[in-house]
Amino acid sequence: MPSNRTRRDLVAEALINLGILAAGQQPDAEDFEAVDGKFDALVARLEQQDILDLDNTVDEIPSEFFNPLAVLLADDAALMFGLPGVPASQSNPKPRDNAIDEIRRVTYARPTYTALKTEYF
């Protein structure tokens, strides 16, 4: 499995999550543009909420963020396709919440290398 995936791969995975695209197919230009247009706003919102930081490399997505980002992107773009969101399943009744939790688990497990602020009494 590659360590980084492309933005094009992410948009295709989001369309698969919505059921718009079957595995192995290439997305239509209109569908691709509709979902891709939501990506920058999604990343900006996640960075503003301190959930994710891609270090300005939105064209190379680390594999540990790929699947949760695809779920979030699909959920953001669902209304454009007449869907209420990413379909829930028995094993994943809240796909959006679980995707955010997965990103947080991966992000918060990393060292920050920042000095701790000491407080003297």
Protein backbone atom coordinates (compact mmCIF):
# COMPACT_ATOMS: atom_id res chain seq x y z
CA MET A 1 0.00 0.00 0.00
CA PRO A 2 1.47 3.37 -0.96
CA SER A 3 2.24 5.80 1.82
CA ASN A 4 0.55 8.72 0.04
CA ARG A 5 -2.51 8.85 -2.17
CA THR A 6 -3.53 11.57 -4.60
CA ARG A 7 -6.40 14.00 -4.41
CA ARG A 8 -7.88 12.31 -7.49
CA ASP A 9 -7.88 8.99 -5.60
CA LEU A 10 -9.64 10.67 -2.67
CA VAL A 11 -12.41 12.10 -4.85
CA ALA A 12 -12.91 8.70 -6.51
CA GLU A 13 -13.09 7.00 -3.09
CA ALA A 14 -15.65 9.58 -1.91
CA LEU A 15 -17.81 8.83 -4.97
CA ILE A 16 -17.52 5.11 -4.22
CA ASN A 17 -18.61 5.76 -0.61
CA LEU A 18 -21.70 7.52 -1.94
CA GLY A 19 -22.50 4.68 -4.34
CA ILE A 20 -22.14 6.98 -7.36
CA LEU A 21 -19.09 5.18 -8.71
CA ALA A 22 -18.40 1.46 -8.88
CA ALA A 23 -14.97 0.11 -7.97
CA GLY A 24 -12.53 0.34 -10.86
CA GLN A 25 -14.47 2.98 -12.80
CA GLN A 26 -13.27 6.48 -13.54
CA PRO A 27 -15.50 9.35 -12.36
CA ASP A 28 -17.31 11.59 -14.82
CA ALA A 29 -15.82 15.06 -15.13
CA GLU A 30 -18.94 16.70 -13.66
CA ASP A 31 -19.03 14.36 -10.66
CA PHE A 32 -15.31 14.79 -10.09
CA GLU A 33 -15.51 18.59 -10.16
CA ALA A 34 -18.54 18.62 -7.86
CA VAL A 35 -16.78 16.60 -5.16
CA ASP A 36 -13.33 18.12 -5.70
CA GLY A 37 -14.83 21.58 -5.17
CA LYS A 38 -15.71 20.60 -1.60
CA PHE A 39 -12.21 19.36 -0.68
CA ASP A 40 -10.44 22.66 0.04
CA ALA A 41 -13.26 23.85 2.30
CA LEU A 42 -13.26 20.52 4.16
CA VAL A 43 -9.51 20.64 4.80
CA ALA A 44 -9.70 24.29 5.88
CA ARG A 45 -12.52 23.50 8.31
CA LEU A 46 -10.67 20.50 9.79
CA GLU A 47 -7.48 22.54 10.16
CA GLN A 48 -9.38 25.41 11.79
CA GLN A 49 -10.91 22.98 14.29
CA ASP A 50 -7.44 21.50 15.02
CA ILE A 51 -8.55 18.07 13.86
CA LEU A 52 -6.17 17.73 10.90
CA ASP A 53 -3.04 19.39 9.55
CA LEU A 54 -1.87 18.35 6.09
CA ASP A 55 1.04 20.83 6.06
CA ASN A 56 -0.12 22.41 2.78
CA THR A 57 0.24 19.10 0.92
CA VAL A 58 -3.36 18.61 -0.15
CA ASP A 59 -2.31 16.82 -3.34
CA GLU A 60 -0.51 14.07 -1.41
CA ILE A 61 -2.72 12.60 1.28
CA PRO A 62 -1.08 10.30 3.84
CA SER A 63 -2.65 6.85 3.82
CA GLU A 64 -3.61 7.03 7.51
CA PHE A 65 -5.97 9.94 6.73
CA PHE A 66 -7.21 8.68 3.36
CA ASN A 67 -10.29 6.61 4.29
CA PRO A 68 -11.63 8.97 6.99
CA LEU A 69 -11.15 11.97 4.67
CA ALA A 70 -12.99 10.12 1.89
CA VAL A 71 -15.94 9.56 4.22
CA LEU A 72 -16.01 13.21 5.29
CA LEU A 73 -15.67 14.44 1.70
CA ALA A 74 -18.47 12.13 0.57
CA ASP A 75 -20.68 13.35 3.40
CA ASP A 76 -20.06 17.00 2.46
CA ALA A 77 -20.84 16.34 -1.21
CA ALA A 78 -23.83 14.03 -0.67
CA LEU A 79 -26.53 16.68 -1.08
CA MET A 80 -25.24 17.49 -4.56
CA PHE A 81 -26.23 13.95 -5.55
CA GLY A 82 -29.58 13.97 -3.77
CA LEU A 83 -28.36 11.87 -0.84
CA PRO A 84 -28.69 12.73 2.86
CA GLY A 85 -25.10 11.70 3.60
CA VAL A 86 -22.81 8.71 3.66
CA PRO A 87 -25.01 5.65 4.15
CA ALA A 88 -24.79 4.16 7.63
CA SER A 89 -24.42 0.44 8.18
CA GLN A 90 -24.86 -1.92 11.12
CA SER A 91 -21.14 -1.96 11.72
CA ASN A 92 -20.79 1.81 11.27
CA PRO A 93 -23.99 3.61 12.32
CA LYS A 94 -22.32 7.05 12.45
CA PRO A 95 -19.76 7.16 9.62
CA ARG A 96 -19.03 10.90 9.88
CA ASP A 97 -18.40 10.83 13.63
CA ASN A 98 -16.27 7.70 13.33
CA ALA A 99 -14.17 9.30 10.56
CA ILE A 100 -13.45 12.37 12.70
CA ASP A 101 -12.57 10.13 15.65
CA GLU A 102 -10.18 8.11 13.47
CA ILE A 103 -8.40 11.27 12.28
CA ARG A 104 -8.10 12.46 15.88
CA ARG A 105 -6.65 9.12 17.01
CA VAL A 106 -4.00 9.24 14.31
CA THR A 107 -3.22 12.94 14.78
CA TYR A 108 -3.05 13.00 18.55
CA ALA A 109 -0.79 9.97 18.75
CA ARG A 110 2.02 11.90 17.07
CA PRO A 111 4.65 13.78 19.05
CA THR A 112 4.44 17.56 18.75
CA TYR A 113 8.04 18.37 19.77
CA THR A 114 6.90 21.58 21.39
CA ALA A 115 8.29 22.64 24.73
CA LEU A 116 5.92 22.39 27.64
CA LYS A 117 5.06 25.61 29.39
CA THR A 118 6.14 25.40 32.99
CA GLU A 119 4.23 27.01 35.76
CA TYR A 120 6.09 27.98 38.91
CA PHE A 121 4.22 28.35 42.17
